[in-house]
Amino acid sequence: MWTDELQVSDDASPAAWIAPRLGGEFGAVTRTVPGGYDAYVRICHPATDDNGAPVSWSKVATATGRKAHPRMQWHALVGSPDSLNFKGSVWPGGGPDRGNLAPGVLESLCALLRRHTSDAAHCFFGLWVGWGWVESGSVHVNYRDGRAGVSYVSTAKPTDRIPPAFSAHELSRPRLKLPSRDYLLLVGPLSAAIRIGDPAGIGGFAPQSPNLFWSADQVWCVASEIDFDSTLVGGTADLIQAILDTPALDAWPIGPDDSLASDADEINEVQ
């Protein structure tokens, strides 16, 4: 492990409460974050403008003539019928990351979570094992472009292979298993949420938000599903209201049965 703040748990039982509380129709919030919480919120991952600066979905909606609302879908906001590749998008900037909450936004969220748990020093983090750097390591291509040494990810040129981020012993430990997803279960303080990522990414450490994390008292749970461009939080009514009231978070109230499937946006129609 690249940080002393986290350890790979040798016991997956602290996660046993999650699977029985997942369910609902396709796209439902509670298929991603456990049911049974007082309230839920959706945090939209930041997009970027044409200069690379972060921008909220509300600002994108204003620019594209659409309406921002809790079940909005990115492709509908940017006028694209293509929910995967966004062909025909009218937005000149970049789209939101899938499965990864930006570090600054994650820090703001964790500051609120810390105030709403009895033990911020004892949290659990689920990291999807499908990220290439977790089990297989990274592949960096090294060559010179006439100006400086540059590294690119490719298999078409000679490469330097970076070892996996976790040791064979760590990778052998019991995993959190949920429908269609397996996770390494990490344990540590809430502050370690921003320490997770590829330690040997191109240019250095590449942050990756936990795909699932919760406090030991289970008063809240956060999920950044790998295919979603939003992070979902279930918790107390007070916590969810605090998230909604924080300007740094592009947050929207949402119900446990609400759908976030690609066809869930019934307001911003696309042809």
Protein backbone atom coordinates (compact mmCIF):
# COMPACT_ATOMS: atom_id res chain seq x y z
CA MET A 1 0.00 0.00 0.00
CA TRP A 2 1.32 3.43 -0.95
CA THR A 3 -0.08 5.18 2.16
CA ASP A 4 0.08 4.24 5.84
CA GLU A 5 -3.40 5.70 6.40
CA LEU A 6 -5.12 2.73 4.75
CA GLN A 7 -4.97 -1.03 4.99
CA VAL A 8 -6.63 -3.75 2.95
CA SER A 9 -9.04 -5.42 5.33
CA ASP A 10 -8.54 -9.11 6.03
CA ASP A 11 -12.25 -9.42 6.81
CA ALA A 12 -15.08 -8.54 4.42
CA SER A 13 -17.84 -8.96 7.02
CA PRO A 14 -18.06 -5.20 7.81
CA ALA A 15 -19.61 -4.88 4.33
CA ALA A 16 -22.17 -7.66 4.78
CA TRP A 17 -24.97 -5.18 5.57
CA ILE A 18 -24.88 -3.57 2.12
CA ALA A 19 -26.10 -6.25 -0.31
CA PRO A 20 -29.40 -6.96 1.53
CA ARG A 21 -30.26 -3.27 1.32
CA LEU A 22 -29.69 -2.92 -2.43
CA GLY A 23 -32.62 -3.30 -4.80
CA GLY A 24 -35.34 -1.64 -6.82
CA GLU A 25 -36.13 -1.16 -10.49
CA PHE A 26 -33.40 -0.72 -13.08
CA GLY A 27 -31.70 2.65 -12.57
CA ALA A 28 -33.07 3.15 -9.05
CA VAL A 29 -30.89 5.01 -6.55
CA THR A 30 -31.05 2.08 -4.13
CA ARG A 31 -29.50 -0.28 -6.65
CA THR A 32 -26.30 1.70 -6.05
CA VAL A 33 -26.48 3.01 -2.49
CA PRO A 34 -28.24 1.04 0.27
CA GLY A 35 -31.89 1.64 1.05
CA GLY A 36 -33.25 2.50 4.47
CA TYR A 37 -31.76 5.97 4.90
CA ASP A 38 -33.80 9.03 5.85
CA ALA A 39 -32.82 10.93 2.71
CA TYR A 40 -30.66 10.79 -0.43
CA VAL A 41 -28.76 13.25 -2.55
CA ARG A 42 -27.15 13.20 -5.97
CA ILE A 43 -23.87 15.09 -6.48
CA CYS A 44 -23.20 15.75 -10.16
CA HIS A 45 -19.54 15.41 -11.11
CA PRO A 46 -18.14 18.66 -12.49
CA ALA A 47 -17.95 19.22 -16.22
CA THR A 48 -15.37 21.58 -17.73
CA ASP A 49 -15.72 24.65 -19.91
CA ASP A 50 -13.73 25.19 -23.12
CA ASN A 51 -10.81 26.48 -21.01
CA GLY A 52 -10.74 23.37 -18.82
CA ALA A 53 -12.22 25.06 -15.75
CA PRO A 54 -14.82 23.14 -13.69
CA VAL A 55 -18.43 24.07 -14.29
CA SER A 56 -21.72 22.94 -12.73
CA TRP A 57 -24.46 21.16 -14.63
CA SER A 58 -26.77 24.12 -13.94
CA LYS A 59 -24.42 26.43 -15.84
CA VAL A 60 -24.23 23.93 -18.69
CA ALA A 61 -28.03 23.77 -18.80
CA THR A 62 -28.25 27.56 -18.98
CA ALA A 63 -25.70 27.66 -21.80
CA THR A 64 -27.43 24.94 -23.81
CA GLY A 65 -30.98 26.13 -23.23
CA ARG A 66 -31.96 23.10 -21.14
CA LYS A 67 -33.36 22.76 -17.63
CA ALA A 68 -31.36 21.51 -14.63
CA HIS A 69 -33.29 19.15 -12.34
CA PRO A 70 -32.58 16.20 -9.99
CA ARG A 71 -32.92 13.43 -12.61
CA MET A 72 -31.22 15.25 -15.48
CA GLN A 73 -28.93 13.28 -17.74
CA TRP A 74 -25.74 14.72 -19.19
CA HIS A 75 -26.39 13.69 -22.77
CA ALA A 76 -29.82 15.37 -22.63
CA LEU A 77 -28.33 18.57 -21.20
CA VAL A 78 -25.92 18.81 -24.11
CA GLY A 79 -28.47 17.86 -26.77
CA SER A 80 -27.04 14.48 -27.71
CA PRO A 81 -29.10 11.35 -28.38
CA ASP A 82 -25.98 9.32 -27.62
CA SER A 83 -25.79 8.62 -23.87
CA LEU A 84 -22.36 6.99 -24.12
CA ASN A 85 -20.24 9.05 -26.52
CA PHE A 86 -22.31 12.28 -26.66
CA LYS A 87 -22.14 12.62 -30.44
CA GLY A 88 -23.69 15.88 -31.58
CA SER A 89 -23.15 17.58 -28.22
CA VAL A 90 -23.66 21.35 -28.30
CA TRP A 91 -21.46 21.89 -25.22
CA PRO A 92 -17.96 23.11 -26.24
CA GLY A 93 -16.25 21.94 -23.05
CA GLY A 94 -15.67 18.54 -21.48
CA GLY A 95 -18.08 16.19 -19.82
CA PRO A 96 -18.12 14.89 -16.23
CA ASP A 97 -15.97 11.96 -15.14
CA ARG A 98 -17.68 8.62 -14.71
CA GLY A 99 -17.01 6.72 -11.50
CA ASN A 100 -14.71 9.35 -10.06
CA LEU A 101 -15.59 12.36 -7.91
CA ALA A 102 -13.07 15.20 -8.35
CA PRO A 103 -10.63 15.50 -5.38
CA GLY A 104 -11.70 19.02 -4.39
CA VAL A 105 -15.37 18.08 -4.39
CA LEU A 106 -14.60 14.88 -2.47
CA GLU A 107 -12.78 16.90 0.18
CA SER A 108 -15.76 19.21 0.60
CA LEU A 109 -18.07 16.22 0.93
CA CYS A 110 -15.82 14.53 3.49
CA ALA A 111 -15.77 17.67 5.61
CA LEU A 112 -19.55 17.36 5.96
CA LEU A 113 -19.50 13.60 6.49
CA ARG A 114 -17.02 14.05 9.35
CA ARG A 115 -19.55 16.14 11.26
CA HIS A 116 -22.21 13.49 10.88
CA THR A 117 -20.52 10.36 12.20
CA SER A 118 -19.50 9.24 15.66
CA ASP A 119 -16.18 7.82 14.45
CA ALA A 120 -14.52 9.49 11.48
CA ALA A 121 -11.33 7.61 12.33
CA HIS A 122 -12.91 4.28 11.39
CA CYS A 123 -14.34 4.08 7.86
CA PHE A 124 -14.50 1.51 5.09
CA PHE A 125 -13.71 2.07 1.42
CA GLY A 126 -14.66 -0.14 -1.51
CA LEU A 127 -12.32 0.18 -4.50
CA TRP A 128 -13.44 -1.50 -7.73
CA VAL A 129 -10.88 -4.12 -8.75
CA GLY A 130 -11.51 -3.45 -12.45
CA TRP A 131 -9.33 -0.33 -12.49
CA GLY A 132 -6.30 -1.55 -14.42
CA TRP A 133 -3.74 -0.23 -11.98
CA VAL A 134 -5.24 -2.17 -9.06
CA GLU A 135 -4.41 -5.72 -10.17
CA SER A 136 -2.39 -5.37 -13.36
CA GLY A 137 -0.39 -2.19 -12.89
CA SER A 138 0.03 0.60 -15.43
CA VAL A 139 1.62 0.54 -18.85
CA HIS A 140 3.57 3.67 -19.78
CA VAL A 141 5.03 4.22 -23.23
CA ASN A 142 8.28 6.18 -23.28
CA TYR A 143 9.61 8.02 -26.28
CA ARG A 144 10.90 11.46 -27.21
CA ASP A 145 8.92 13.92 -29.30
CA GLY A 146 11.91 16.11 -30.15
CA ARG A 147 11.40 18.38 -27.17
CA ALA A 148 11.25 16.23 -24.05
CA GLY A 149 10.60 12.73 -22.82
CA VAL A 150 6.87 12.08 -22.85
CA SER A 151 4.91 9.10 -21.50
CA TYR A 152 1.76 7.84 -23.16
CA VAL A 153 -0.51 4.87 -22.44
CA SER A 154 -0.41 2.48 -25.38
CA THR A 155 0.59 -1.03 -26.33
CA ALA A 156 1.74 -0.09 -29.83
CA LYS A 157 5.23 1.06 -28.78
CA PRO A 158 7.92 -0.20 -26.38
CA THR A 159 6.63 0.10 -22.83
CA ASP A 160 7.64 0.27 -19.21
CA ARG A 161 5.29 -1.76 -17.02
CA ILE A 162 4.50 -0.33 -13.61
CA PRO A 163 3.76 -2.96 -10.92
CA PRO A 164 0.24 -3.24 -9.45
CA ALA A 165 -0.60 -0.77 -6.70
CA PHE A 166 -1.32 -3.63 -4.29
CA SER A 167 0.86 -6.57 -3.30
CA ALA A 168 -0.11 -10.15 -4.08
CA HIS A 169 -0.90 -10.63 -0.39
CA GLU A 170 -3.20 -7.60 -0.33
CA LEU A 171 -4.95 -8.74 -3.49
CA SER A 172 -5.56 -12.17 -1.98
CA ARG A 173 -7.65 -10.82 0.90
CA PRO A 174 -11.44 -11.27 1.02
CA ARG A 175 -13.39 -8.90 -1.22
CA LEU A 176 -16.63 -7.04 -1.02
CA LYS A 177 -18.83 -8.72 -3.62
CA LEU A 178 -21.95 -7.02 -4.94
CA PRO A 179 -23.99 -7.72 -8.10
CA SER A 180 -21.66 -7.30 -11.11
CA ARG A 181 -18.93 -5.64 -9.02
CA ASP A 182 -16.06 -6.81 -6.81
CA TYR A 183 -14.19 -4.40 -4.58
CA LEU A 184 -11.08 -4.40 -2.44
CA LEU A 185 -12.16 -3.41 1.05
CA LEU A 186 -9.89 -0.80 2.60
CA VAL A 187 -10.10 0.47 6.16
CA GLY A 188 -8.84 3.75 7.61
CA PRO A 189 -9.86 7.26 8.64
CA LEU A 190 -12.27 9.33 6.57
CA SER A 191 -9.40 11.68 5.70
CA ALA A 192 -7.84 8.83 3.68
CA ALA A 193 -10.61 9.03 1.07
CA ILE A 194 -8.47 11.45 -0.93
CA ARG A 195 -5.40 9.22 -0.67
CA ILE A 196 -6.84 6.52 -2.92
CA GLY A 197 -5.61 6.39 -6.51
CA ASP A 198 -2.98 5.11 -8.90
CA PRO A 199 0.36 5.87 -7.21
CA ALA A 200 2.16 5.53 -10.54
CA GLY A 201 -0.17 7.38 -12.88
CA ILE A 202 1.19 9.41 -15.75
CA GLY A 203 2.59 12.57 -14.19
CA GLY A 204 2.44 11.08 -10.68
CA PHE A 205 -0.33 10.11 -8.31
CA ALA A 206 -3.72 9.90 -10.08
CA PRO A 207 -6.59 10.28 -7.56
CA GLN A 208 -9.54 7.89 -7.66
CA SER A 209 -12.44 8.49 -5.33
CA PRO A 210 -13.66 5.41 -3.43
CA ASN A 211 -16.38 3.69 -5.40
CA LEU A 212 -18.20 2.95 -2.17
CA PHE A 213 -17.50 4.16 1.36
CA TRP A 214 -19.22 4.41 4.70
CA SER A 215 -18.61 5.10 8.37
CA ALA A 216 -18.38 2.24 10.87
CA ASP A 217 -21.62 3.44 12.46
CA GLN A 218 -23.31 3.19 9.03
CA VAL A 219 -25.08 6.54 9.45
CA TRP A 220 -24.19 7.43 5.87
CA CYS A 221 -22.99 5.67 2.73
CA VAL A 222 -21.49 7.17 -0.44
CA ALA A 223 -21.36 5.50 -3.86
CA SER A 224 -19.54 6.58 -7.03
CA GLU A 225 -20.67 3.77 -9.34
CA ILE A 226 -18.13 3.27 -12.14
CA ASP A 227 -20.68 3.94 -14.92
CA PHE A 228 -22.28 6.99 -13.29
CA ASP A 229 -21.34 10.64 -13.73
CA SER A 230 -22.82 11.39 -10.31
CA THR A 231 -22.11 10.35 -6.72
CA LEU A 232 -25.00 9.22 -4.52
CA VAL A 233 -25.20 9.68 -0.75
CA GLY A 234 -27.68 8.17 1.70
CA GLY A 235 -27.81 9.47 5.25
CA THR A 236 -29.68 11.42 7.88
CA ALA A 237 -31.94 14.27 6.87
CA ASP A 238 -29.56 16.73 8.53
CA LEU A 239 -26.56 15.46 6.57
CA ILE A 240 -28.38 15.51 3.26
CA GLN A 241 -29.61 19.05 3.89
CA ALA A 242 -26.07 20.15 4.74
CA ILE A 243 -24.87 18.70 1.42
CA LEU A 244 -27.65 20.49 -0.45
CA ASP A 245 -26.71 23.75 1.26
CA THR A 246 -23.01 23.56 0.29
CA PRO A 247 -22.23 25.63 -2.83
CA ALA A 248 -19.11 23.61 -3.64
CA LEU A 249 -21.29 20.55 -4.23
CA ASP A 250 -23.53 20.41 -7.31
CA ALA A 251 -26.12 18.55 -5.24
CA TRP A 252 -29.74 17.63 -5.91
CA PRO A 253 -32.35 15.94 -3.67
CA ILE A 254 -33.41 12.57 -4.96
CA GLY A 255 -35.63 9.74 -3.78
CA PRO A 256 -34.55 6.13 -3.16
CA ASP A 257 -36.73 4.85 -6.01
CA ASP A 258 -35.88 7.59 -8.49
CA SER A 259 -34.22 6.40 -11.67
CA LEU A 260 -30.88 7.62 -12.95
CA ALA A 261 -30.98 5.47 -16.07
CA SER A 262 -30.13 7.14 -19.37
CA ASP A 263 -33.82 7.59 -20.21
CA ALA A 264 -34.72 9.11 -16.82
CA ASP A 265 -34.59 12.73 -18.02
CA GLU A 266 -38.19 13.42 -19.03
CA ILE A 267 -37.70 17.19 -19.22
CA ASN A 268 -34.79 17.65 -21.61
CA GLU A 269 -35.86 15.70 -24.67
CA VAL A 270 -33.41 14.84 -27.42
CA GLN A 271 -34.16 13.74 -30.95
